Amino acid sequence: QSEKGGKHNIPHIHAIYGDNEMVVSLDGNILEGQFPNK
């Protein structure tokens, strides 16, 4: 999503798997949340 004035202030995605959500920067750092390892 557009992040003008947003929480993370760096390029990132939000990923959802079942009840899990992760926020990951475009350089691969996990900013929030977790998924199963696979």
Full PDB file with SEQRES, HELIX, SHEET, SSBOND, CRYST1, ORIGX, SCALE, CONECT and MASTER records, all heavy atoms in Angstrom:
SEQRES   1 A   38  GLN SER GLU LYS GLY GLY LYS HIS ASN ILE PRO HIS ILE          
SEQRES   2 A   38  HIS ALA ILE TYR GLY ASP ASN GLU MET VAL VAL SER LEU          
SEQRES   3 A   38  ASP GLY ASN ILE LEU GLU GLY GLN PHE PRO ASN LYS              
SHEET    1 AA1 3 HIS A  12  TYR A  17  0                                        
SHEET    2 AA1 3 ASN A  20  SER A  25 -1                                        
SHEET    3 AA1 3 ILE A  30  GLY A  33 -1                                        
CRYST1    1.000    1.000    1.000  90.00  90.00  90.00 P 1           1          
ORIGX1      1.000000  0.000000  0.000000        0.00000                         
ORIGX2      0.000000  1.000000  0.000000        0.00000                         
ORIGX3      0.000000  0.000000  1.000000        0.00000                         
SCALE1      1.000000  0.000000  0.000000        0.00000                         
SCALE2      0.000000  1.000000  0.000000        0.00000                         
SCALE3      0.000000  0.000000  1.000000        0.00000                         
ATOM      1  N   GLN A   1       0.829  -1.199   0.000  1.00  0.00           N  
ATOM      2  CA  GLN A   1       0.000   0.000   0.000  1.00  0.00           C  
ATOM      3  C   GLN A   1       0.863   1.247   0.000  1.00  0.00           C  
ATOM      4  O   GLN A   1       2.049   1.185   0.335  1.00  0.00           O  
ATOM      5  CB  GLN A   1      -0.928   0.024   1.211  1.00  0.00           C  
ATOM      6  CG  GLN A   1      -0.210   0.173   2.538  1.00  0.00           C  
ATOM      7  CD  GLN A   1      -1.157   0.074   3.709  1.00  0.00           C  
ATOM      8  OE1 GLN A   1      -2.208  -0.550   3.618  1.00  0.00           O  
ATOM      9  NE2 GLN A   1      -0.795   0.685   4.806  1.00  0.00           N  
ATOM     10  N   SER A   2       0.259   2.348  -0.341  1.00  0.00           N  
ATOM     11  CA  SER A   2       0.929   3.638  -0.257  1.00  0.00           C  
ATOM     12  C   SER A   2       1.207   3.928   1.204  1.00  0.00           C  
ATOM     13  O   SER A   2       0.373   3.680   2.065  1.00  0.00           O  
ATOM     14  CB  SER A   2       0.027   4.717  -0.848  1.00  0.00           C  
ATOM     15  OG  SER A   2       0.569   5.982  -0.626  1.00  0.00           O  
ATOM     16  N   GLU A   3       2.373   4.452   1.511  1.00  0.00           N  
ATOM     17  CA  GLU A   3       2.771   4.672   2.902  1.00  0.00           C  
ATOM     18  C   GLU A   3       3.056   6.122   3.215  1.00  0.00           C  
ATOM     19  O   GLU A   3       3.889   6.406   4.064  1.00  0.00           O  
ATOM     20  CB  GLU A   3       4.022   3.848   3.217  1.00  0.00           C  
ATOM     21  CG  GLU A   3       3.740   2.405   3.487  1.00  0.00           C  
ATOM     22  CD  GLU A   3       3.138   2.151   4.859  1.00  0.00           C  
ATOM     23  OE1 GLU A   3       3.602   2.709   5.860  1.00  0.00           O  
ATOM     24  OE2 GLU A   3       2.173   1.395   4.913  1.00  0.00           O  
ATOM     25  N   LYS A   4       2.437   7.037   2.568  1.00  0.00           N  
ATOM     26  CA  LYS A   4       2.690   8.442   2.866  1.00  0.00           C  
ATOM     27  C   LYS A   4       2.395   8.711   4.337  1.00  0.00           C  
ATOM     28  O   LYS A   4       1.274   8.572   4.787  1.00  0.00           O  
ATOM     29  CB  LYS A   4       1.844   9.325   1.962  1.00  0.00           C  
ATOM     30  CG  LYS A   4       2.264   9.206   0.522  1.00  0.00           C  
ATOM     31  CD  LYS A   4       1.395  10.017  -0.383  1.00  0.00           C  
ATOM     32  CE  LYS A   4       1.864   9.785  -1.811  1.00  0.00           C  
ATOM     33  NZ  LYS A   4       0.825   9.897  -2.770  1.00  0.00           N  
ATOM     34  N   GLY A   5       3.441   9.051   5.071  1.00  0.00           N  
ATOM     35  CA  GLY A   5       3.275   9.287   6.502  1.00  0.00           C  
ATOM     36  C   GLY A   5       2.960   8.026   7.272  1.00  0.00           C  
ATOM     37  O   GLY A   5       2.441   8.079   8.382  1.00  0.00           O  
ATOM     38  N   GLY A   6       3.272   6.870   6.705  1.00  0.00           N  
ATOM     39  CA  GLY A   6       2.925   5.588   7.309  1.00  0.00           C  
ATOM     40  C   GLY A   6       3.838   5.169   8.442  1.00  0.00           C  
ATOM     41  O   GLY A   6       4.798   5.841   8.808  1.00  0.00           O  
ATOM     42  N   LYS A   7       3.535   4.006   8.973  1.00  0.00           N  
ATOM     43  CA  LYS A   7       4.185   3.486  10.166  1.00  0.00           C  
ATOM     44  C   LYS A   7       5.638   3.071   9.933  1.00  0.00           C  
ATOM     45  O   LYS A   7       6.492   3.301  10.779  1.00  0.00           O  
ATOM     46  CB  LYS A   7       3.378   2.282  10.660  1.00  0.00           C  
ATOM     47  CG  LYS A   7       3.920   1.591  11.859  1.00  0.00           C  
ATOM     48  CD  LYS A   7       2.997   0.460  12.271  1.00  0.00           C  
ATOM     49  CE  LYS A   7       3.546  -0.307  13.454  1.00  0.00           C  
ATOM     50  NZ  LYS A   7       2.664  -1.395  13.841  1.00  0.00           N  
ATOM     51  N   HIS A   8       5.937   2.457   8.780  1.00  0.00           N  
ATOM     52  CA  HIS A   8       7.256   1.849   8.605  1.00  0.00           C  
ATOM     53  C   HIS A   8       8.264   2.757   7.897  1.00  0.00           C  
ATOM     54  O   HIS A   8       9.460   2.614   8.103  1.00  0.00           O  
ATOM     55  CB  HIS A   8       7.123   0.523   7.862  1.00  0.00           C  
ATOM     56  CG  HIS A   8       6.238  -0.438   8.572  1.00  0.00           C  
ATOM     57  ND1 HIS A   8       6.579  -1.002   9.779  1.00  0.00           N  
ATOM     58  CD2 HIS A   8       5.010  -0.912   8.271  1.00  0.00           C  
ATOM     59  CE1 HIS A   8       5.596  -1.792  10.183  1.00  0.00           C  
ATOM     60  NE2 HIS A   8       4.637  -1.751   9.302  1.00  0.00           N  
ATOM     61  N   ASN A   9       7.789   3.640   7.052  1.00  0.00           N  
ATOM     62  CA  ASN A   9       8.628   4.626   6.375  1.00  0.00           C  
ATOM     63  C   ASN A   9       9.756   4.042   5.527  1.00  0.00           C  
ATOM     64  O   ASN A   9      10.736   4.723   5.256  1.00  0.00           O  
ATOM     65  CB  ASN A   9       9.207   5.636   7.372  1.00  0.00           C  
ATOM     66  CG  ASN A   9       8.121   6.460   8.022  1.00  0.00           C  
ATOM     67  OD1 ASN A   9       7.194   6.914   7.369  1.00  0.00           O  
ATOM     68  ND2 ASN A   9       8.218   6.634   9.318  1.00  0.00           N  
ATOM     69  N   ILE A  10       9.673   2.783   5.164  1.00  0.00           N  
ATOM     70  CA  ILE A  10      10.617   2.178   4.227  1.00  0.00           C  
ATOM     71  C   ILE A  10       9.823   1.284   3.277  1.00  0.00           C  
ATOM     72  O   ILE A  10       8.731   0.812   3.633  1.00  0.00           O  
ATOM     73  CB  ILE A  10      11.711   1.351   4.938  1.00  0.00           C  
ATOM     74  CG1 ILE A  10      11.116   0.229   5.779  1.00  0.00           C  
ATOM     75  CG2 ILE A  10      12.624   2.226   5.769  1.00  0.00           C  
ATOM     76  CD1 ILE A  10      12.133  -0.731   6.335  1.00  0.00           C  
ATOM     77  N   PRO A  11      10.330   1.035   2.092  1.00  0.00           N  
ATOM     78  CA  PRO A  11       9.614   0.154   1.160  1.00  0.00           C  
ATOM     79  C   PRO A  11       9.430  -1.243   1.769  1.00  0.00           C  
ATOM     80  O   PRO A  11      10.394  -1.840   2.271  1.00  0.00           O  
ATOM     81  CB  PRO A  11      10.536   0.109  -0.059  1.00  0.00           C  
ATOM     82  CG  PRO A  11      11.336   1.364   0.016  1.00  0.00           C  
ATOM     83  CD  PRO A  11      11.529   1.611   1.484  1.00  0.00           C  
ATOM     84  N   HIS A  12       8.199  -1.741   1.724  1.00  0.00           N  
ATOM     85  CA  HIS A  12       7.903  -3.032   2.340  1.00  0.00           C  
ATOM     86  C   HIS A  12       6.630  -3.639   1.766  1.00  0.00           C  
ATOM     87  O   HIS A  12       5.873  -2.975   1.075  1.00  0.00           O  
ATOM     88  CB  HIS A  12       7.772  -2.884   3.858  1.00  0.00           C  
ATOM     89  CG  HIS A  12       6.582  -2.073   4.261  1.00  0.00           C  
ATOM     90  ND1 HIS A  12       6.600  -0.686   4.259  1.00  0.00           N  
ATOM     91  CD2 HIS A  12       5.335  -2.425   4.659  1.00  0.00           C  
ATOM     92  CE1 HIS A  12       5.415  -0.241   4.653  1.00  0.00           C  
ATOM     93  NE2 HIS A  12       4.622  -1.282   4.902  1.00  0.00           N  
ATOM     94  N   ILE A  13       6.410  -4.913   2.103  1.00  0.00           N  
ATOM     95  CA  ILE A  13       5.172  -5.612   1.769  1.00  0.00           C  
ATOM     96  C   ILE A  13       4.513  -6.100   3.050  1.00  0.00           C  
ATOM     97  O   ILE A  13       5.157  -6.200   4.091  1.00  0.00           O  
ATOM     98  CB  ILE A  13       5.422  -6.826   0.838  1.00  0.00           C  
ATOM     99  CG1 ILE A  13       6.348  -7.841   1.526  1.00  0.00           C  
ATOM    100  CG2 ILE A  13       5.951  -6.385  -0.517  1.00  0.00           C  
ATOM    101  CD1 ILE A  13       6.319  -9.207   0.912  1.00  0.00           C  
ATOM    102  N   HIS A  14       3.242  -6.414   2.919  1.00  0.00           N  
ATOM    103  CA  HIS A  14       2.491  -7.102   3.964  1.00  0.00           C  
ATOM    104  C   HIS A  14       2.142  -8.461   3.386  1.00  0.00           C  
ATOM    105  O   HIS A  14       1.628  -8.540   2.262  1.00  0.00           O  
ATOM    106  CB  HIS A  14       1.203  -6.344   4.300  1.00  0.00           C  
ATOM    107  CG  HIS A  14       1.447  -5.014   4.919  1.00  0.00           C  
ATOM    108  ND1 HIS A  14       1.231  -4.765   6.250  1.00  0.00           N  
ATOM    109  CD2 HIS A  14       1.891  -3.849   4.394  1.00  0.00           C  
ATOM    110  CE1 HIS A  14       1.533  -3.511   6.515  1.00  0.00           C  
ATOM    111  NE2 HIS A  14       1.935  -2.929   5.395  1.00  0.00           N  
ATOM    112  N   ALA A  15       2.427  -9.524   4.122  1.00  0.00           N  
ATOM    113  CA  ALA A  15       2.115 -10.873   3.658  1.00  0.00           C  
ATOM    114  C   ALA A  15       1.228 -11.559   4.688  1.00  0.00           C  
ATOM    115  O   ALA A  15       1.432 -11.414   5.892  1.00  0.00           O  
ATOM    116  CB  ALA A  15       3.393 -11.667   3.431  1.00  0.00           C  
ATOM    117  N   ILE A  16       0.249 -12.299   4.188  1.00  0.00           N  
ATOM    118  CA  ILE A  16      -0.704 -12.992   5.055  1.00  0.00           C  
ATOM    119  C   ILE A  16      -0.676 -14.470   4.705  1.00  0.00           C  
ATOM    120  O   ILE A  16      -0.710 -14.844   3.522  1.00  0.00           O  
ATOM    121  CB  ILE A  16      -2.125 -12.436   4.859  1.00  0.00           C  
ATOM    122  CG1 ILE A  16      -2.141 -10.946   5.206  1.00  0.00           C  
ATOM    123  CG2 ILE A  16      -3.142 -13.208   5.701  1.00  0.00           C  
ATOM    124  CD1 ILE A  16      -3.352 -10.215   4.681  1.00  0.00           C  
ATOM    125  N   TYR A  17      -0.609 -15.297   5.729  1.00  0.00           N  
ATOM    126  CA  TYR A  17      -0.696 -16.749   5.570  1.00  0.00           C  
ATOM    127  C   TYR A  17      -1.577 -17.258   6.701  1.00  0.00           C  
ATOM    128  O   TYR A  17      -1.173 -17.224   7.869  1.00  0.00           O  
ATOM    129  CB  TYR A  17       0.687 -17.401   5.616  1.00  0.00           C  
ATOM    130  CG  TYR A  17       0.632 -18.897   5.527  1.00  0.00           C  
ATOM    131  CD1 TYR A  17       0.337 -19.525   4.319  1.00  0.00           C  
ATOM    132  CD2 TYR A  17       0.830 -19.684   6.650  1.00  0.00           C  
ATOM    133  CE1 TYR A  17       0.265 -20.897   4.233  1.00  0.00           C  
ATOM    134  CE2 TYR A  17       0.765 -21.067   6.581  1.00  0.00           C  
ATOM    135  CZ  TYR A  17       0.474 -21.667   5.370  1.00  0.00           C  
ATOM    136  OH  TYR A  17       0.387 -23.041   5.278  1.00  0.00           O  
ATOM    137  N   GLY A  18      -2.785 -17.663   6.378  1.00  0.00           N  
ATOM    138  CA  GLY A  18      -3.729 -18.089   7.408  1.00  0.00           C  
ATOM    139  C   GLY A  18      -3.976 -16.964   8.397  1.00  0.00           C  
ATOM    140  O   GLY A  18      -4.333 -15.853   8.012  1.00  0.00           O  
ATOM    141  N   ASP A  19      -3.739 -17.220   9.670  1.00  0.00           N  
ATOM    142  CA  ASP A  19      -3.910 -16.206  10.714  1.00  0.00           C  
ATOM    143  C   ASP A  19      -2.637 -15.411  10.983  1.00  0.00           C  
ATOM    144  O   ASP A  19      -2.608 -14.567  11.879  1.00  0.00           O  
ATOM    145  CB  ASP A  19      -4.364 -16.866  12.022  1.00  0.00           C  
ATOM    146  CG  ASP A  19      -5.777 -17.423  11.938  1.00  0.00           C  
ATOM    147  OD1 ASP A  19      -6.565 -16.891  11.129  1.00  0.00           O  
ATOM    148  OD2 ASP A  19      -6.080 -18.389  12.665  1.00  0.00           O  
ATOM    149  N   ASN A  20      -1.586 -15.711  10.230  1.00  0.00           N  
ATOM    150  CA  ASN A  20      -0.293 -15.042  10.435  1.00  0.00           C  
ATOM    151  C   ASN A  20      -0.125 -13.889   9.456  1.00  0.00           C  
ATOM    152  O   ASN A  20      -0.513 -13.988   8.302  1.00  0.00           O  
ATOM    153  CB  ASN A  20       0.858 -16.026  10.220  1.00  0.00           C  
ATOM    154  CG  ASN A  20       0.778 -17.210  11.151  1.00  0.00           C  
ATOM    155  OD1 ASN A  20       0.830 -17.049  12.356  1.00  0.00           O  
ATOM    156  ND2 ASN A  20       0.631 -18.390  10.594  1.00  0.00           N  
ATOM    157  N   GLU A  21       0.500 -12.819   9.931  1.00  0.00           N  
ATOM    158  CA  GLU A  21       0.831 -11.694   9.056  1.00  0.00           C  
ATOM    159  C   GLU A  21       2.260 -11.271   9.332  1.00  0.00           C  
ATOM    160  O   GLU A  21       2.718 -11.285  10.471  1.00  0.00           O  
ATOM    161  CB  GLU A  21      -0.109 -10.514   9.281  1.00  0.00           C  
ATOM    162  CG  GLU A  21       0.165  -9.378   8.323  1.00  0.00           C  
ATOM    163  CD  GLU A  21      -0.881  -8.283   8.334  1.00  0.00           C  
ATOM    164  OE1 GLU A  21      -1.924  -8.439   8.991  1.00  0.00           O  
ATOM    165  OE2 GLU A  21      -0.639  -7.253   7.680  1.00  0.00           O  
ATOM    166  N   MET A  22       2.957 -10.934   8.255  1.00  0.00           N  
ATOM    167  CA  MET A  22       4.320 -10.426   8.370  1.00  0.00           C  
ATOM    168  C   MET A  22       4.437  -9.157   7.553  1.00  0.00           C  
ATOM    169  O   MET A  22       3.808  -9.027   6.512  1.00  0.00           O  
ATOM    170  CB  MET A  22       5.348 -11.418   7.806  1.00  0.00           C  
ATOM    171  CG  MET A  22       5.791 -12.450   8.765  1.00  0.00           C  
ATOM    172  SD  MET A  22       7.301 -13.377   8.337  1.00  0.00           S  
ATOM    173  CE  MET A  22       7.532 -13.278   6.616  1.00  0.00           C  
ATOM    174  N   VAL A  23       5.263  -8.252   8.034  1.00  0.00           N  
ATOM    175  CA  VAL A  23       5.641  -7.063   7.280  1.00  0.00           C  
ATOM    176  C   VAL A  23       7.134  -7.227   7.009  1.00  0.00           C  
ATOM    177  O   VAL A  23       7.920  -7.432   7.947  1.00  0.00           O  
ATOM    178  CB  VAL A  23       5.359  -5.767   8.065  1.00  0.00           C  
ATOM    179  CG1 VAL A  23       5.789  -4.556   7.263  1.00  0.00           C  
ATOM    180  CG2 VAL A  23       3.881  -5.678   8.433  1.00  0.00           C  
ATOM    181  N   VAL A  24       7.503  -7.174   5.716  1.00  0.00           N  
ATOM    182  CA  VAL A  24       8.889  -7.422   5.329  1.00  0.00           C  
ATOM    183  C   VAL A  24       9.366  -6.274   4.449  1.00  0.00           C  
ATOM    184  O   VAL A  24       8.703  -5.919   3.466  1.00  0.00           O  
ATOM    185  CB  VAL A  24       9.011  -8.760   4.555  1.00  0.00           C  
ATOM    186  CG1 VAL A  24      10.464  -9.049   4.215  1.00  0.00           C  
ATOM    187  CG2 VAL A  24       8.402  -9.917   5.341  1.00  0.00           C  
ATOM    188  N   SER A  25      10.516  -5.698   4.797  1.00  0.00           N  
ATOM    189  CA  SER A  25      11.082  -4.648   3.952  1.00  0.00           C  
ATOM    190  C   SER A  25      11.519  -5.269   2.629  1.00  0.00           C  
ATOM    191  O   SER A  25      11.775  -6.481   2.552  1.00  0.00           O  
ATOM    192  CB  SER A  25      12.268  -3.977   4.648  1.00  0.00           C  
ATOM    193  OG  SER A  25      13.345  -4.879   4.773  1.00  0.00           O  
ATOM    194  N   LEU A  26      11.612  -4.452   1.586  1.00  0.00           N  
ATOM    195  CA  LEU A  26      11.976  -4.978   0.280  1.00  0.00           C  
ATOM    196  C   LEU A  26      13.407  -5.498   0.243  1.00  0.00           C  
ATOM    197  O   LEU A  26      13.770  -6.233  -0.670  1.00  0.00           O  
ATOM    198  CB  LEU A  26      11.750  -3.928  -0.818  1.00  0.00           C  
ATOM    199  CG  LEU A  26      10.299  -3.490  -1.027  1.00  0.00           C  
ATOM    200  CD1 LEU A  26      10.179  -2.666  -2.301  1.00  0.00           C  
ATOM    201  CD2 LEU A  26       9.332  -4.654  -1.048  1.00  0.00           C  
ATOM    202  N   ASP A  27      14.209  -5.187   1.264  1.00  0.00           N  
ATOM    203  CA  ASP A  27      15.549  -5.779   1.328  1.00  0.00           C  
ATOM    204  C   ASP A  27      15.568  -7.061   2.158  1.00  0.00           C  
ATOM    205  O   ASP A  27      16.628  -7.614   2.448  1.00  0.00           O  
ATOM    206  CB  ASP A  27      16.582  -4.772   1.826  1.00  0.00           C  
ATOM    207  CG  ASP A  27      16.313  -4.263   3.223  1.00  0.00           C  
ATOM    208  OD1 ASP A  27      15.405  -4.769   3.904  1.00  0.00           O  
ATOM    209  OD2 ASP A  27      17.020  -3.338   3.652  1.00  0.00           O  
ATOM    210  N   GLY A  28      14.379  -7.560   2.551  1.00  0.00           N  
ATOM    211  CA  GLY A  28      14.260  -8.872   3.184  1.00  0.00           C  
ATOM    212  C   GLY A  28      14.286  -8.902   4.696  1.00  0.00           C  
ATOM    213  O   GLY A  28      14.283  -9.978   5.283  1.00  0.00           O  
ATOM    214  N   ASN A  29      14.271  -7.763   5.358  1.00  0.00           N  
ATOM    215  CA  ASN A  29      14.230  -7.740   6.820  1.00  0.00           C  
ATOM    216  C   ASN A  29      12.787  -7.831   7.309  1.00  0.00           C  
ATOM    217  O   ASN A  29      11.925  -7.092   6.838  1.00  0.00           O  
ATOM    218  CB  ASN A  29      14.862  -6.455   7.366  1.00  0.00           C  
ATOM    219  CG  ASN A  29      16.355  -6.415   7.148  1.00  0.00           C  
ATOM    220  OD1 ASN A  29      17.046  -7.393   7.396  1.00  0.00           O  
ATOM    221  ND2 ASN A  29      16.853  -5.298   6.663  1.00  0.00           N  
ATOM    222  N   ILE A  30      12.534  -8.719   8.243  1.00  0.00           N  
ATOM    223  CA  ILE A  30      11.202  -8.860   8.825  1.00  0.00           C  
ATOM    224  C   ILE A  30      11.005  -7.732   9.831  1.00  0.00           C  
ATOM    225  O   ILE A  30      11.763  -7.617  10.797  1.00  0.00           O  
ATOM    226  CB  ILE A  30      11.016 -10.237   9.482  1.00  0.00           C  
ATOM    227  CG1 ILE A  30      11.153 -11.341   8.419  1.00  0.00           C  
ATOM    228  CG2 ILE A  30       9.664 -10.316  10.195  1.00  0.00           C  
ATOM    229  CD1 ILE A  30      11.181 -12.747   8.977  1.00  0.00           C  
ATOM    230  N   LEU A  31      10.008  -6.895   9.581  1.00  0.00           N  
ATOM    231  CA  LEU A  31       9.737  -5.743  10.434  1.00  0.00           C  
ATOM    232  C   LEU A  31       8.735  -6.077  11.532  1.00  0.00           C  
ATOM    233  O   LEU A  31       8.806  -5.511  12.627  1.00  0.00           O  
ATOM    234  CB  LEU A  31       9.217  -4.572   9.594  1.00  0.00           C  
ATOM    235  CG  LEU A  31      10.120  -4.126   8.446  1.00  0.00           C  
ATOM    236  CD1 LEU A  31       9.422  -3.055   7.616  1.00  0.00           C  
ATOM    237  CD2 LEU A  31      11.456  -3.636   8.969  1.00  0.00           C  
ATOM    238  N   GLU A  32       7.790  -6.963  11.217  1.00  0.00           N  
ATOM    239  CA  GLU A  32       6.746  -7.355  12.179  1.00  0.00           C  
ATOM    240  C   GLU A  32       6.244  -8.739  11.828  1.00  0.00           C  
ATOM    241  O   GLU A  32       6.203  -9.114  10.662  1.00  0.00           O  
ATOM    242  CB  GLU A  32       5.535  -6.419  12.097  1.00  0.00           C  
ATOM    243  CG  GLU A  32       5.700  -5.074  12.705  1.00  0.00           C  
ATOM    244  CD  GLU A  32       4.408  -4.258  12.611  1.00  0.00           C  
ATOM    245  OE1 GLU A  32       3.313  -4.835  12.468  1.00  0.00           O  
ATOM    246  OE2 GLU A  32       4.522  -3.031  12.670  1.00  0.00           O  
ATOM    247  N   GLY A  33       5.808  -9.461  12.842  1.00  0.00           N  
ATOM    248  CA  GLY A  33       5.112 -10.721  12.642  1.00  0.00           C  
ATOM    249  C   GLY A  33       6.023 -11.880  12.286  1.00  0.00           C  
ATOM    250  O   GLY A  33       7.252 -11.765  12.280  1.00  0.00           O  
ATOM    251  N   GLN A  34       5.377 -13.020  11.990  1.00  0.00           N  
ATOM    252  CA  GLN A  34       6.122 -14.212  11.612  1.00  0.00           C  
ATOM    253  C   GLN A  34       5.216 -15.195  10.889  1.00  0.00           C  
ATOM    254  O   GLN A  34       4.000 -15.141  11.023  1.00  0.00           O  
ATOM    255  CB  GLN A  34       6.761 -14.877  12.819  1.00  0.00           C  
ATOM    256  CG  GLN A  34       5.760 -15.420  13.830  1.00  0.00           C  
ATOM    257  CD  GLN A  34       6.464 -16.006  15.035  1.00  0.00           C  
ATOM    258  OE1 GLN A  34       7.546 -15.589  15.412  1.00  0.00           O  
ATOM    259  NE2 GLN A  34       5.832 -16.981  15.654  1.00  0.00           N  
ATOM    260  N   PHE A  35       5.845 -16.051  10.108  1.00  0.00           N  
ATOM    261  CA  PHE A  35       5.204 -17.163   9.413  1.00  0.00           C  
ATOM    262  C   PHE A  35       5.894 -18.440   9.882  1.00  0.00           C  
ATOM    263  O   PHE A  35       7.015 -18.391  10.396  1.00  0.00           O  
ATOM    264  CB  PHE A  35       5.448 -17.071   7.896  1.00  0.00           C  
ATOM    265  CG  PHE A  35       4.542 -16.161   7.125  1.00  0.00           C  
ATOM    266  CD1 PHE A  35       3.534 -15.430   7.720  1.00  0.00           C  
ATOM    267  CD2 PHE A  35       4.709 -16.046   5.762  1.00  0.00           C  
ATOM    268  CE1 PHE A  35       2.721 -14.604   6.973  1.00  0.00           C  
ATOM    269  CE2 PHE A  35       3.896 -15.231   5.001  1.00  0.00           C  
ATOM    270  CZ  PHE A  35       2.902 -14.506   5.615  1.00  0.00           C  
ATOM    271  N   PRO A  36       5.259 -19.583   9.608  1.00  0.00           N  
ATOM    272  CA  PRO A  36       6.017 -20.826   9.770  1.00  0.00           C  
ATOM    273  C   PRO A  36       7.270 -20.762   8.876  1.00  0.00           C  
ATOM    274  O   PRO A  36       7.287 -20.071   7.854  1.00  0.00           O  
ATOM    275  CB  PRO A  36       5.038 -21.906   9.286  1.00  0.00           C  
ATOM    276  CG  PRO A  36       3.677 -21.291   9.489  1.00  0.00           C  
ATOM    277  CD  PRO A  36       3.872 -19.823   9.215  1.00  0.00           C  
ATOM    278  N   ASN A  37       8.312 -21.472   9.251  1.00  0.00           N  
ATOM    279  CA  ASN A  37       9.597 -21.421   8.557  1.00  0.00           C  
ATOM    280  C   ASN A  37       9.480 -21.675   7.056  1.00  0.00           C  
ATOM    281  O   ASN A  37      10.075 -20.951   6.250  1.00  0.00           O  
ATOM    282  CB  ASN A  37      10.559 -22.423   9.203  1.00  0.00           C  
ATOM    283  CG  ASN A  37      11.982 -22.221   8.760  1.00  0.00           C  
ATOM    284  OD1 ASN A  37      12.449 -21.094   8.644  1.00  0.00           O  
ATOM    285  ND2 ASN A  37      12.669 -23.314   8.501  1.00  0.00           N  
ATOM    286  N   LYS A  38       8.730 -22.693   6.657  1.00  0.00           N  
ATOM    287  CA  LYS A  38       8.600 -23.034   5.233  1.00  0.00           C  
ATOM    288  C   LYS A  38       8.010 -21.865   4.440  1.00  0.00           C  
ATOM    289  O   LYS A  38       8.505 -21.514   3.364  1.00  0.00           O  
ATOM    290  CB  LYS A  38       7.727 -24.274   5.067  1.00  0.00           C  
ATOM    291  CG  LYS A  38       7.499 -24.677   3.628  1.00  0.00           C  
ATOM    292  CD  LYS A  38       6.613 -25.909   3.529  1.00  0.00           C  
ATOM    293  CE  LYS A  38       6.333 -26.252   2.086  1.00  0.00           C  
ATOM    294  NZ  LYS A  38       5.426 -27.405   1.981  1.00  0.00           N  
TER     295      LYS A  38                                                      
MASTER        0    0    0    0    3    0    0    6  294    1    0    3          
END                                                                             
